[in-house]
Protein backbone atom coordinates (compact mmCIF):
# COMPACT_ATOMS: atom_id res chain seq x y z
CA MET A 1 123.47 106.59 6.13
CA ASP A 2 121.19 107.85 3.34
CA ALA A 3 120.15 111.48 2.96
CA ALA A 4 116.64 110.80 4.29
CA ASN A 5 117.97 109.58 7.65
CA ARG A 6 120.96 111.90 7.98
CA ASN A 7 119.17 114.43 10.20
CA ILE A 8 117.64 111.90 12.58
CA GLU A 9 118.94 112.53 16.10
CA ALA A 10 120.36 109.68 18.17
CA ARG A 11 118.14 108.31 20.92
CA GLY A 12 120.82 108.94 23.53
CA HIS A 13 121.54 107.64 27.04
CA TRP A 14 121.50 109.02 30.57
CA GLY A 15 124.41 111.32 31.30
CA SER A 16 125.26 109.19 34.33
CA LYS A 17 123.95 106.35 36.45
CA THR A 18 122.85 108.89 39.04
CA GLU A 19 120.48 110.57 36.58
CA PHE A 20 118.69 107.28 35.95
CA LEU A 21 118.38 106.46 39.65
CA LEU A 22 117.07 109.94 40.50
CA ALA A 23 114.61 109.93 37.58
CA VAL A 24 113.15 106.58 38.62
CA ALA A 25 113.13 107.58 42.29
CA GLY A 26 111.34 110.81 41.43
CA ASN A 27 108.79 108.89 39.40
CA VAL A 28 107.96 106.14 41.89
CA VAL A 29 108.17 108.29 45.05
CA GLY A 30 105.21 110.61 44.73
CA LEU A 31 102.15 111.94 46.49
CA GLY A 32 100.80 108.44 47.14
CA ASN A 33 103.70 107.79 49.51
CA VAL A 34 102.73 110.81 51.59
CA TRP A 35 98.97 110.97 51.53
CA ARG A 36 97.81 107.43 50.70
CA PHE A 37 100.12 104.87 52.34
CA PRO A 38 99.94 106.34 55.90
CA TYR A 39 96.14 106.51 55.72
CA LEU A 40 95.88 102.93 54.41
CA CYS A 41 98.23 101.76 57.13
CA TYR A 42 96.23 103.14 60.03
CA THR A 43 92.80 102.15 58.63
CA ASN A 44 93.88 98.59 57.80
CA GLY A 45 95.50 97.34 60.96
CA GLY A 46 98.44 99.66 61.60
CA GLY A 47 101.67 97.68 61.69
CA ALA A 48 99.75 94.53 60.67
CA PHE A 49 99.10 96.15 57.28
CA LEU A 50 102.80 95.74 56.50
CA ILE A 51 102.29 91.96 56.18
CA PRO A 52 100.00 92.08 53.10
CA TYR A 53 101.97 95.04 51.81
CA LEU A 54 105.24 93.10 51.91
CA VAL A 55 103.58 90.04 50.37
CA PHE A 56 102.57 92.12 47.35
CA VAL A 57 105.98 93.80 47.23
CA VAL A 58 107.76 90.43 47.03
CA THR A 59 105.34 88.66 44.68
CA CYS A 60 104.31 91.53 42.39
CA GLY A 61 106.11 94.82 42.99
CA VAL A 62 109.78 93.87 42.78
CA PRO A 63 109.38 91.14 40.07
CA LEU A 64 107.41 93.47 37.77
CA PHE A 65 109.77 96.35 38.46
CA LEU A 66 112.79 94.24 37.50
CA MET A 67 110.99 92.85 34.47
CA GLU A 68 110.16 96.30 33.11
CA ALA A 69 113.63 97.72 33.80
CA ALA A 70 115.22 94.76 32.01
CA MET A 71 112.81 94.99 29.06
CA GLY A 72 113.68 98.62 28.44
CA GLN A 73 117.41 98.18 28.87
CA TYR A 74 117.50 95.09 26.61
CA THR A 75 115.39 96.47 23.74
CA GLN A 76 116.43 100.16 24.03
CA GLU A 77 112.80 100.98 23.26
CA GLY A 78 109.94 102.80 24.99
CA GLY A 79 106.78 101.40 26.54
CA ILE A 80 105.12 100.47 23.24
CA THR A 81 107.85 99.46 20.80
CA CYS A 82 109.53 97.22 23.39
CA TRP A 83 106.52 94.91 23.07
CA GLN A 84 106.81 95.00 19.28
CA ARG A 85 110.28 93.54 19.63
CA LEU A 86 109.73 91.11 22.50
CA CYS A 87 106.18 89.83 22.05
CA PRO A 88 104.17 91.54 19.27
CA ILE A 89 100.86 89.97 20.29
CA ALA A 90 101.10 91.81 23.64
CA GLU A 91 101.66 95.22 22.06
CA GLY A 92 98.27 96.35 23.35
CA ILE A 93 99.76 96.34 26.86
CA GLY A 94 102.04 99.17 25.79
CA TYR A 95 99.23 101.27 24.32
CA ALA A 96 97.00 100.64 27.35
CA GLY A 97 99.76 101.69 29.72
CA GLN A 98 100.37 104.93 27.85
CA LEU A 99 96.65 105.72 27.90
CA ILE A 100 96.54 105.25 31.68
CA LEU A 101 99.59 107.51 31.96
CA LEU A 102 97.80 110.14 29.88
CA TYR A 103 94.82 110.06 32.24
CA SER A 104 97.18 110.24 35.22
CA CYS A 105 98.99 113.26 33.76
CA MET A 106 95.73 115.13 33.44
CA CYS A 107 94.79 114.39 37.06
CA TYR A 108 98.20 114.86 38.64
CA ILE A 109 98.86 118.31 37.30
CA ILE A 110 95.55 119.59 38.67
CA ILE A 111 96.80 118.63 42.13
CA LEU A 112 99.99 120.56 41.46
CA ALA A 113 97.93 123.62 40.49
CA TRP A 114 96.05 123.43 43.80
CA ALA A 115 99.32 123.07 45.71
CA LEU A 116 100.83 126.05 43.88
CA PHE A 117 97.81 128.14 44.85
CA TYR A 118 98.23 127.16 48.52
CA LEU A 119 101.95 127.86 48.32
CA ALA A 120 101.36 131.35 46.93
CA LEU A 121 98.88 132.16 49.70
CA SER A 122 101.28 130.80 52.34
CA PHE A 123 103.21 134.07 51.94
CA SER A 124 100.18 136.20 52.85
CA PHE A 125 100.08 138.04 56.17
CA HIS A 126 97.36 135.73 57.56
CA LEU A 127 96.93 132.16 56.34
CA PRO A 128 93.49 132.36 54.69
CA TRP A 129 92.49 128.82 55.69
CA ALA A 130 93.17 129.54 59.36
CA THR A 131 90.53 132.24 59.89
CA CYS A 132 86.81 132.79 59.47
CA GLY A 133 85.09 136.01 58.44
CA ASN A 134 86.32 135.86 54.86
CA THR A 135 83.99 136.33 51.90
CA TRP A 136 83.86 132.57 51.24
CA ASN A 137 83.10 131.58 54.85
CA THR A 138 79.65 130.63 56.14
CA ASP A 139 78.06 131.19 59.55
CA ASP A 140 79.04 127.63 60.52
CA CYS A 141 82.77 128.34 60.11
CA ASN A 142 85.02 127.51 63.04
CA PHE A 143 88.69 128.45 63.04
CA ALA A 144 91.47 126.18 64.29
CA GLY A 145 91.40 125.92 68.05
CA ARG A 146 91.09 123.63 71.02
CA LYS A 147 88.19 121.29 71.71
CA PHE A 148 87.13 121.27 68.08
CA ALA A 149 87.06 118.36 65.68
CA LEU A 150 86.70 118.66 61.94
CA ASN A 151 83.17 118.03 60.78
CA LEU A 152 84.48 115.59 58.19
CA THR A 153 83.27 112.84 60.53
CA GLY A 154 79.90 114.44 61.06
CA GLN A 155 80.43 114.93 64.81
CA THR A 156 79.70 118.65 64.92
CA ASN A 157 77.59 121.15 63.04
CA SER A 158 80.59 123.41 62.55
CA THR A 159 82.81 123.49 59.50
CA ALA A 160 86.55 123.92 59.78
CA ALA A 161 87.94 127.08 58.25
CA ALA A 162 90.36 124.92 56.22
CA THR A 163 87.44 122.90 54.83
CA GLU A 164 85.52 126.02 53.77
CA PHE A 165 88.64 127.50 52.19
CA TRP A 166 89.17 124.29 50.21
CA GLU A 167 85.58 123.87 49.05
CA HIS A 168 84.46 127.50 48.63
CA ARG A 169 87.66 129.31 47.73
CA VAL A 170 89.86 126.78 45.91
CA LEU A 171 87.28 124.49 44.32
CA THR A 172 84.34 126.94 44.31
CA LEU A 173 82.33 123.74 44.52
CA SER A 174 78.98 123.50 42.74
CA GLY A 175 76.10 121.18 43.59
CA GLY A 176 77.17 118.35 41.29
CA ILE A 177 78.82 117.26 38.09
CA GLU A 178 75.81 118.51 36.13
CA GLU A 179 76.56 122.09 37.27
CA VAL A 180 79.79 122.99 35.50
CA GLY A 181 79.67 126.65 36.45
CA LYS A 182 82.38 129.26 35.96
CA VAL A 183 86.13 128.83 35.56
CA ASN A 184 88.26 129.58 38.62
CA TRP A 185 90.77 131.87 36.95
CA GLU A 186 93.28 131.76 39.79
CA ILE A 187 93.54 127.97 39.63
CA LEU A 188 93.64 128.19 35.82
CA LEU A 189 96.67 130.49 36.01
CA CYS A 190 98.34 128.07 38.43
CA LEU A 191 97.61 125.25 35.97
CA ILE A 192 99.20 127.22 33.13
CA ALA A 193 102.27 127.84 35.30
CA MET A 194 102.64 124.14 36.08
CA TRP A 195 102.35 123.15 32.40
CA ILE A 196 105.05 125.69 31.51
CA ILE A 197 107.35 124.34 34.23
CA CYS A 198 106.81 120.74 33.13
CA TYR A 199 107.39 121.66 29.48
CA PHE A 200 110.79 123.20 30.10
CA CYS A 201 111.79 120.38 32.46
CA ILE A 202 111.68 117.82 29.62
CA TRP A 203 111.69 119.81 26.37
CA LYS A 204 115.20 118.62 25.49
CA GLY A 205 114.51 115.01 26.43
CA ILE A 206 116.75 113.23 28.89
CA ARG A 207 119.36 115.94 28.43
CA SER A 208 117.13 118.28 30.43
CA THR A 209 115.22 115.67 32.46
CA GLY A 210 118.45 114.14 33.73
CA LYS A 211 119.60 117.50 35.09
CA VAL A 212 116.29 118.63 36.61
CA VAL A 213 115.89 115.48 38.72
CA TYR A 214 119.02 116.35 40.69
CA PHE A 215 116.84 118.94 42.44
CA THR A 216 113.25 117.68 42.11
CA ALA A 217 114.05 114.14 43.29
CA THR A 218 116.31 115.04 46.22
CA PHE A 219 114.91 118.22 47.76
CA PRO A 220 111.57 116.61 48.78
CA TYR A 221 113.59 114.36 51.09
CA VAL A 222 115.07 117.43 52.73
CA MET A 223 111.59 118.86 53.24
CA LEU A 224 110.28 115.51 54.47
CA LEU A 225 113.12 115.27 56.99
CA VAL A 226 112.46 118.82 58.22
CA LEU A 227 108.73 118.13 58.64
CA LEU A 228 109.46 114.80 60.35
CA ILE A 229 111.78 116.39 62.90
CA ARG A 230 109.31 119.20 63.53
CA GLY A 231 106.42 116.76 63.85
CA LEU A 232 108.21 114.55 66.36
CA THR A 233 108.86 117.55 68.64
CA LEU A 234 105.17 118.52 68.85
CA PRO A 235 102.96 117.62 71.84
CA GLY A 236 100.69 114.69 71.00
CA ALA A 237 103.06 113.36 68.31
CA LEU A 238 103.49 110.02 70.11
CA GLN A 239 99.73 109.56 70.21
CA GLY A 240 99.55 109.98 66.44
CA ILE A 241 102.48 107.66 65.76
CA MET A 242 101.08 104.90 67.97
CA PHE A 243 97.77 105.24 66.20
CA TYR A 244 99.66 104.86 62.90
CA ILE A 245 101.74 101.76 63.69
CA TYR A 246 99.87 99.91 66.49
CA PRO A 247 99.14 96.48 64.97
CA ASP A 248 95.65 95.01 64.82
CA PRO A 249 96.00 91.47 63.42
CA GLN A 250 92.22 91.03 63.03
CA HIS A 251 92.33 93.19 59.90
CA LEU A 252 94.37 90.50 58.15
CA LEU A 253 91.20 88.41 57.86
CA ASP A 254 89.55 91.11 55.74
CA PRO A 255 90.14 90.55 51.97
CA GLN A 256 89.67 94.28 51.39
CA VAL A 257 92.84 94.97 53.37
CA TRP A 258 94.83 92.73 51.02
CA MET A 259 93.24 94.42 48.02
CA GLU A 260 94.23 97.85 49.37
CA ALA A 261 97.80 96.66 49.91
CA GLY A 262 98.06 95.31 46.36
CA THR A 263 96.66 98.47 44.80
CA GLN A 264 99.09 100.62 46.79
CA VAL A 265 102.07 98.54 45.62
CA PHE A 266 101.07 98.74 41.96
CA PHE A 267 100.52 102.50 42.16
CA SER A 268 103.61 103.40 44.16
CA TYR A 269 105.93 101.16 42.13
CA SER A 270 104.59 102.58 38.83
CA VAL A 271 104.47 99.12 37.25
CA GLY A 272 102.22 98.12 34.37
CA VAL A 273 102.26 101.43 32.49
CA GLY A 274 105.71 101.33 30.89
CA SER A 275 107.35 104.09 32.93
CA ILE A 276 110.16 101.91 34.26
CA THR A 277 110.61 100.35 30.81
CA THR A 278 111.06 103.71 29.13
CA LEU A 279 113.41 105.10 31.77
CA GLY A 280 115.45 101.89 31.67
CA SER A 281 115.72 102.08 27.88
CA TYR A 282 118.16 104.99 28.20
CA ASN A 283 120.61 102.84 30.17
CA PRO A 284 123.63 101.21 28.52
CA TYR A 285 123.29 97.48 27.88
CA THR A 286 125.67 96.52 30.69
CA ASN A 287 123.93 98.49 33.45
CA ASN A 288 123.21 96.40 36.55
CA CYS A 289 119.41 96.70 36.45
CA TYR A 290 119.13 93.72 38.83
CA ARG A 291 120.80 95.62 41.69
CA ASP A 292 119.15 98.94 40.80
CA SER A 293 115.68 97.42 41.04
CA PHE A 294 116.25 96.21 44.60
CA TRP A 295 117.56 99.54 45.84
CA LEU A 296 114.85 101.61 44.15
CA CYS A 297 112.07 99.38 45.47
CA LEU A 298 113.57 99.56 48.95
CA LEU A 299 113.77 103.36 48.72
CA ASN A 300 110.12 103.56 47.67
CA SER A 301 108.79 101.44 50.52
CA CYS A 302 111.00 103.08 53.15
CA THR A 303 109.87 106.54 52.00
CA SER A 304 106.23 105.51 52.43
CA LEU A 305 106.91 104.27 55.96
CA VAL A 306 108.87 107.37 57.02
CA ALA A 307 106.27 109.70 55.48
CA GLY A 308 103.69 108.08 57.76
CA PHE A 309 105.67 109.17 60.81
CA ALA A 310 105.89 112.74 59.46
CA VAL A 311 102.15 112.88 58.74
CA PHE A 312 100.78 111.21 61.87
CA SER A 313 103.05 113.05 64.27
CA VAL A 314 101.43 116.26 63.04
CA LEU A 315 97.93 114.75 63.07
CA GLY A 316 98.58 113.58 66.63
CA PHE A 317 99.46 117.16 67.57
CA MET A 318 96.30 118.37 65.86
CA ALA A 319 94.15 115.88 67.79
CA HIS A 320 95.89 116.87 71.02
CA GLU A 321 95.21 120.56 70.44
CA GLN A 322 91.56 119.98 69.59
CA GLY A 323 90.89 117.39 72.27
CA ALA A 324 89.79 114.91 69.62
CA ALA A 325 90.73 111.39 68.60
CA VAL A 326 93.31 110.94 65.85
CA GLU A 327 90.79 109.14 63.62
CA ASP A 328 88.61 112.26 63.71
CA VAL A 329 91.28 114.39 62.05
CA ALA A 330 92.97 111.83 59.77
CA GLU A 331 92.14 111.97 56.10
CA SER A 332 93.56 110.59 52.84
CA GLY A 333 94.38 112.10 49.47
CA PRO A 334 93.42 115.75 48.89
CA GLY A 335 91.64 115.73 52.25
CA LEU A 336 94.98 115.27 53.99
CA ALA A 337 97.04 117.64 51.84
CA PHE A 338 94.53 120.48 51.54
CA ILE A 339 92.38 120.25 54.69
CA ALA A 340 93.82 118.26 57.60
CA TYR A 341 97.50 119.19 57.28
CA PRO A 342 96.92 122.92 56.58
CA GLN A 343 94.58 122.97 59.59
CA ALA A 344 97.33 121.45 61.74
CA VAL A 345 99.96 123.83 60.36
CA ALA A 346 97.77 126.80 61.34
CA MET A 347 98.04 125.70 65.00
CA MET A 348 101.84 125.56 65.03
CA PRO A 349 104.25 128.34 65.91
CA LEU A 350 105.57 129.94 62.70
CA PRO A 351 102.69 128.53 60.61
CA HIS A 352 103.79 130.32 57.43
CA LEU A 353 107.17 128.59 57.46
CA TRP A 354 105.70 125.11 57.84
CA ALA A 355 103.02 125.81 55.25
CA VAL A 356 105.67 126.84 52.72
CA CYS A 357 107.75 123.74 53.50
CA PHE A 358 104.79 121.40 53.20
CA PHE A 359 103.34 122.71 49.95
CA PHE A 360 106.76 123.11 48.38
CA MET A 361 107.38 119.43 49.19
CA ILE A 362 103.99 118.47 47.69
CA ILE A 363 104.80 120.37 44.48
CA LEU A 364 108.22 118.77 44.10
CA LEU A 365 106.92 115.27 44.89
CA GLY A 366 104.25 115.65 42.25
CA LEU A 367 106.34 117.60 39.75
CA ASP A 368 108.95 114.95 38.99
CA THR A 369 106.27 112.26 38.78
CA GLN A 370 104.33 114.47 36.36
CA PHE A 371 107.11 115.38 33.99
CA VAL A 372 108.57 111.86 34.02
CA CYS A 373 105.13 110.56 32.98
CA MET A 374 105.12 113.13 30.18
CA GLU A 375 108.63 112.09 29.16
CA VAL A 376 107.54 108.44 29.04
CA ILE A 377 104.59 109.23 26.76
CA ILE A 378 106.63 111.45 24.44
CA THR A 379 109.45 108.89 24.23
CA SER A 380 107.06 106.01 23.56
CA VAL A 381 105.36 107.87 20.71
CA THR A 382 108.69 109.09 19.33
CA ASP A 383 109.98 105.52 19.22
CA ILE A 384 107.01 104.58 17.02
CA PHE A 385 107.77 107.37 14.53
CA PRO A 386 111.53 107.94 14.87
CA THR A 387 112.08 109.19 11.31
CA VAL A 388 109.45 111.90 11.85
CA LEU A 389 109.90 112.99 15.47
CA ARG A 390 113.65 112.63 15.99
CA ARG A 391 114.55 115.42 13.63
CA PRO A 392 115.88 118.73 15.04
CA GLY A 393 113.14 120.83 16.67
CA ARG A 394 110.35 118.31 16.15
CA ARG A 395 110.34 116.95 19.68
CA GLU A 396 109.84 120.43 21.12
CA VAL A 397 106.90 121.09 18.78
CA PHE A 398 105.32 117.70 19.49
CA LEU A 399 105.70 118.21 23.24
CA LEU A 400 104.11 121.67 22.95
CA LEU A 401 101.13 120.23 21.05
CA PHE A 402 100.78 117.50 23.67
CA CYS A 403 100.75 120.04 26.51
CA LEU A 404 98.24 122.29 24.73
CA ILE A 405 95.86 119.43 23.96
CA CYS A 406 95.99 118.20 27.56
CA PHE A 407 95.56 121.71 28.93
CA PHE A 408 92.48 122.57 26.88
CA SER A 409 91.00 119.15 27.61
CA GLN A 410 91.20 119.69 31.35
CA ILE A 411 89.88 123.25 31.62
CA ILE A 412 86.60 121.71 32.75
CA MET A 413 88.44 120.49 35.87
CA VAL A 414 89.06 124.05 37.07
CA THR A 415 85.40 125.01 36.92
CA GLU A 416 82.92 124.95 39.80
CA GLY A 417 82.03 121.37 38.89
CA GLY A 418 85.61 120.46 38.10
CA MET A 419 86.28 118.47 41.28
CA TYR A 420 83.55 116.02 40.34
CA VAL A 421 85.13 115.52 36.90
CA PHE A 422 88.57 115.16 38.45
CA GLN A 423 87.39 112.50 40.88
CA LEU A 424 85.54 110.63 38.13
CA LEU A 425 88.68 110.46 35.99
CA ASP A 426 90.87 109.49 38.93
CA TYR A 427 88.45 106.83 40.27
CA TYR A 428 87.79 105.03 37.00
CA ALA A 429 90.46 105.81 34.39
CA CYS A 430 93.42 105.59 36.81
CA ASN A 431 91.90 102.75 38.83
CA GLY A 432 94.08 100.09 40.39
CA ALA A 433 91.96 97.43 38.68
CA CYS A 434 93.26 98.63 35.31
CA LEU A 435 96.86 98.19 36.49
CA LEU A 436 96.07 94.74 37.86
CA PHE A 437 94.59 93.73 34.51
CA LEU A 438 97.69 94.88 32.63
CA SER A 439 100.02 93.13 35.07
CA VAL A 440 98.26 89.80 34.46
CA PHE A 441 98.91 89.92 30.72
CA GLN A 442 102.36 91.41 31.15
CA SER A 443 103.42 88.53 33.39
CA LEU A 444 101.89 85.92 31.09
CA ALA A 445 103.49 87.45 27.99
CA VAL A 446 106.98 87.55 29.47
CA GLY A 447 106.75 84.49 31.71
CA TRP A 448 105.21 82.07 29.19
CA ILE A 449 105.41 83.45 25.63
CA PHE A 450 108.77 85.23 25.67
CA GLY A 451 110.04 82.91 28.38
CA ALA A 452 110.98 83.51 32.01
CA GLU A 453 114.21 81.55 31.59
CA ARG A 454 115.16 83.61 28.55
CA MET A 455 114.51 86.82 30.49
CA CYS A 456 116.73 85.56 33.32
CA ASP A 457 119.51 84.81 30.82
CA ILE A 458 119.18 88.33 29.43
CA ILE A 459 119.36 89.90 32.91
CA GLU A 460 122.46 87.82 33.68
CA ASP A 461 124.07 88.91 30.41
CA MET A 462 123.37 92.59 31.14
CA SER A 463 124.05 92.73 34.87
CA GLY A 464 126.32 89.77 35.52
CA SER A 465 123.90 88.36 38.12
CA TYR A 466 121.45 85.54 37.45
CA PRO A 467 118.09 86.36 39.09
CA ASN A 468 116.91 84.28 42.01
CA PHE A 469 114.51 81.46 41.11
CA ILE A 470 111.74 83.34 42.94
CA PHE A 471 111.52 85.75 40.00
CA ARG A 472 110.79 82.97 37.52
CA LEU A 473 108.22 81.59 39.96
CA CYS A 474 106.57 85.02 40.25
CA TRP A 475 106.59 85.85 36.53
CA LYS A 476 105.04 82.51 35.57
CA TYR A 477 102.70 81.77 38.46
CA LEU A 478 102.47 84.02 41.52
CA THR A 479 102.22 87.47 39.94
CA PRO A 480 99.53 86.62 37.35
CA LEU A 481 97.59 84.51 39.87
CA ILE A 482 97.60 87.14 42.62
CA SER A 483 96.86 89.92 40.11
CA VAL A 484 93.89 88.14 38.53
CA VAL A 485 92.42 87.27 41.96
CA SER A 486 92.82 90.90 43.05
CA PHE A 487 91.31 92.13 39.78
CA ILE A 488 88.24 89.90 40.17
CA PHE A 489 87.87 90.91 43.81
CA SER A 490 88.01 94.60 42.88
CA LEU A 491 85.12 94.08 40.46
CA VAL A 492 83.09 92.08 42.99
CA GLU A 493 83.61 94.70 45.71
CA TYR A 494 82.99 97.64 43.39
CA GLN A 495 81.31 100.58 45.09
CA PRO A 496 79.75 103.42 43.07
CA LEU A 497 81.68 106.66 43.31
CA THR A 498 80.52 109.29 45.79
CA PHE A 499 81.92 112.67 46.79
CA ASN A 500 82.32 113.90 50.38
CA ARG A 501 80.14 111.01 51.56
CA TRP A 502 76.96 112.81 50.52
CA TYR A 503 76.95 113.43 46.76
CA ARG A 504 76.04 110.49 44.53
CA TYR A 505 77.01 110.66 40.88
CA PRO A 506 74.22 110.26 38.30
CA GLY A 507 73.98 107.05 36.26
CA TRP A 508 75.41 108.59 33.09
CA ALA A 509 78.55 109.62 35.00
CA HIS A 510 79.16 106.03 36.10
CA ILE A 511 78.70 104.84 32.51
CA LEU A 512 81.22 107.44 31.35
CA GLY A 513 83.60 106.30 34.09
CA TRP A 514 83.38 102.65 33.05
CA LEU A 515 84.00 103.64 29.43
CA LEU A 516 87.16 105.42 30.55
CA ALA A 517 88.27 102.30 32.42
CA LEU A 518 87.46 100.00 29.50
CA SER A 519 89.29 102.29 27.07
CA SER A 520 92.59 100.95 28.44
CA ILE A 521 91.53 97.44 29.46
CA LEU A 522 90.05 96.50 26.07
CA LEU A 523 93.15 97.66 24.21
CA VAL A 524 95.02 94.51 25.26
CA PRO A 525 92.71 91.84 23.79
CA GLY A 526 91.55 94.21 21.03
CA TRP A 527 95.06 94.82 19.75
CA ALA A 528 95.89 91.11 19.81
CA LEU A 529 92.77 90.17 17.87
CA GLY A 530 93.36 92.99 15.41
CA HIS A 531 96.89 91.76 14.71
CA LEU A 532 95.69 88.19 14.23
CA TRP A 533 93.02 89.39 11.81
CA ALA A 534 95.40 91.58 9.80
CA LEU A 535 97.86 88.81 8.98
CA ARG A 536 97.71 86.16 6.29
CA GLY A 537 98.38 82.48 6.74
CA SER A 538 96.90 79.81 8.96
CA LEU A 539 95.86 80.67 12.49
CA LYS A 540 98.85 78.72 13.85
CA GLN A 541 101.26 80.60 11.58
CA ARG A 542 99.84 83.96 12.59
CA TRP A 543 99.94 83.05 16.27
CA LEU A 544 103.55 81.85 16.08
CA TYR A 545 104.58 84.96 14.18
CA LEU A 546 103.06 87.28 16.81
CA CYS A 547 104.52 85.33 19.73
CA ARG A 548 108.12 85.37 18.56
CA PRO A 549 110.59 88.16 19.38
CA ASP A 550 112.35 90.35 16.85
CA SER A 551 115.22 88.57 15.15
CA ASN A 552 117.39 91.69 15.47
CA LEU A 553 117.43 91.69 19.27
CA PRO A 554 120.90 91.42 20.83
CA LEU A 555 122.11 87.87 21.42
CA THR A 556 123.38 86.98 24.87
CA GLN A 557 126.80 85.44 25.36
CA LYS A 558 125.12 82.09 25.92
CA GLN A 559 123.26 82.32 22.61
CA ARG A 560 126.36 83.40 20.71
CA ALA A 561 128.31 80.48 22.13
CA GLU A 562 125.57 78.05 21.12
CA ILE A 563 125.44 79.40 17.59
CA GLN A 564 129.12 78.56 17.18
CA GLU A 565 128.58 74.97 18.33
CA PRO A 566 127.66 72.25 15.80
CA ALA A 567 124.62 71.16 17.78
CA LEU A 568 122.35 74.12 18.24
CA SER A 569 120.03 74.42 21.22
CA ALA A 570 116.29 74.46 20.65
CA GLU A 571 116.12 78.14 21.60
CA THR A 572 118.86 79.13 19.17
CA GLU A 573 117.34 77.03 16.40
CA GLU A 574 114.08 78.86 17.02
CA LEU A 575 115.81 82.24 16.63
CA LEU A 576 117.37 81.17 13.33
CA ILE A 577 114.05 79.79 12.06
CA ILE A 578 112.36 83.11 12.91
CA ARG A 579 114.99 85.00 10.91
CA ASP A 580 114.52 82.65 7.98
CA ILE A 581 110.74 83.04 8.09
CA ARG A 582 110.94 86.82 8.15
CA GLU A 583 113.50 86.98 5.38
CA LYS A 584 111.36 84.83 3.12
CA GLN A 585 108.25 86.77 4.19
CA LYS A 586 106.06 83.73 4.43
CA ILE A 587 103.68 85.77 6.50
CA VAL A 588 102.93 89.28 5.34
CA GLN A 589 100.58 91.97 6.50
CA ILE A 590 97.56 92.79 4.43
């Protein structure tokens, strides 16, 4: 090793198989399992919703999950450089995925700041969202009690105390995105605290990440189990659970239900953005990624299902106490975590205990997803510039700069108009349509250009198990077809963003939102065209060069055996031709 590269640190591997499994589990099992899946299930046919959900799991979720895990483990590269080695013309997929992750990081950590604020106030003598008469309350405030339904459905003129606390105390909500207003310093301090926690969780790379996930990925299951047991013992719990799982087959005729199921699978499985690829890249070559993918996908889906029982048992209790229907108190997203559930907790015996348990679970569920996303971005960029960023102390500095840039960029989201900015970023930049678009090209690149059969041979060489033929069928046909149909449908059924069912965003905000969405989508074709333009030679030569994998990739046992035979297979001959072309530099970059 020369002097220039002597101080470059090794990329490293997970300390154990358990660290990898917990890191991936912490990443894919997040807030969407708790506050999005149960809501989608009850609004889209109850138990019948599981049919389209399982269809997308089998045809898109598991195949893409296995593909990304195998790509990372085989190349030992992050979400961007793995495409440089496997299929250079598809490198834009890597950059687009990292950009979506960046947007997600900026949204996710705001949610953690809100949850930390609620957690801190859960230790106060009186839960502030359970009473009226506070400085932020209006004359229409109504505290938690019987015969009262949240005005979220517009059925009463009263406003729940939890709703007023959320809108007037936490968000200090202004009249619209045009009214930025003042900074909420309490939420800003919570945001700073969460950035500091995330920084020290991953500042040493997988050496620290692999240890932190032992707590952050397992303890939420303890909290979820506690809340589930408590919820099932409450009066009215059965009513909520039946409302959650009672099947309504008529919903299966609605295309929107299928679209919702597909979007949920892509989000909850974290496919398309390179997270699984990067986490898998720290595995040894012989790790059984084939078996791991099945167990992790099963864990993800089962967690979503169980979380629904925990949530709707409590919502059933809340409806029972208020003499209302379950649909009148059920909400999704922040509405569930920061309005409906806190309202229900305030009605329980020992409300402080259950509030602490719930918000601590929310923080841990979001925390490991957040810092794993940060780890994926840092690793992917480091793999592009290894000689610069893998020197002692440089990772810590780069991570600090990343955190500071993100923090100062999102201060606007803790202002009085911050919720409108947050929702705009979440609705457009982190949209499921963006993930669907990436999955189409990812499947085509691996299934047709790199080769589905070659990927199966690689998985067999690494894990000892040859993938079922259904995976080749999905990678080449089903996954791209279903993804492109879902993507087109999402554009056809596009609805302009609104807030709280009454505020309509101005035209310029929608334009800004579409620019955020296109910033990731256009990277895929833009990067491919840029590469084709930057090379010399005929169009066919340039295309072939960008569609062929790196000649330095590991050879499977099958390829090594064929090289030793007199008659070489077509695939092996192709590999040798690629090496010869690159050595002679027939095609060079301008």
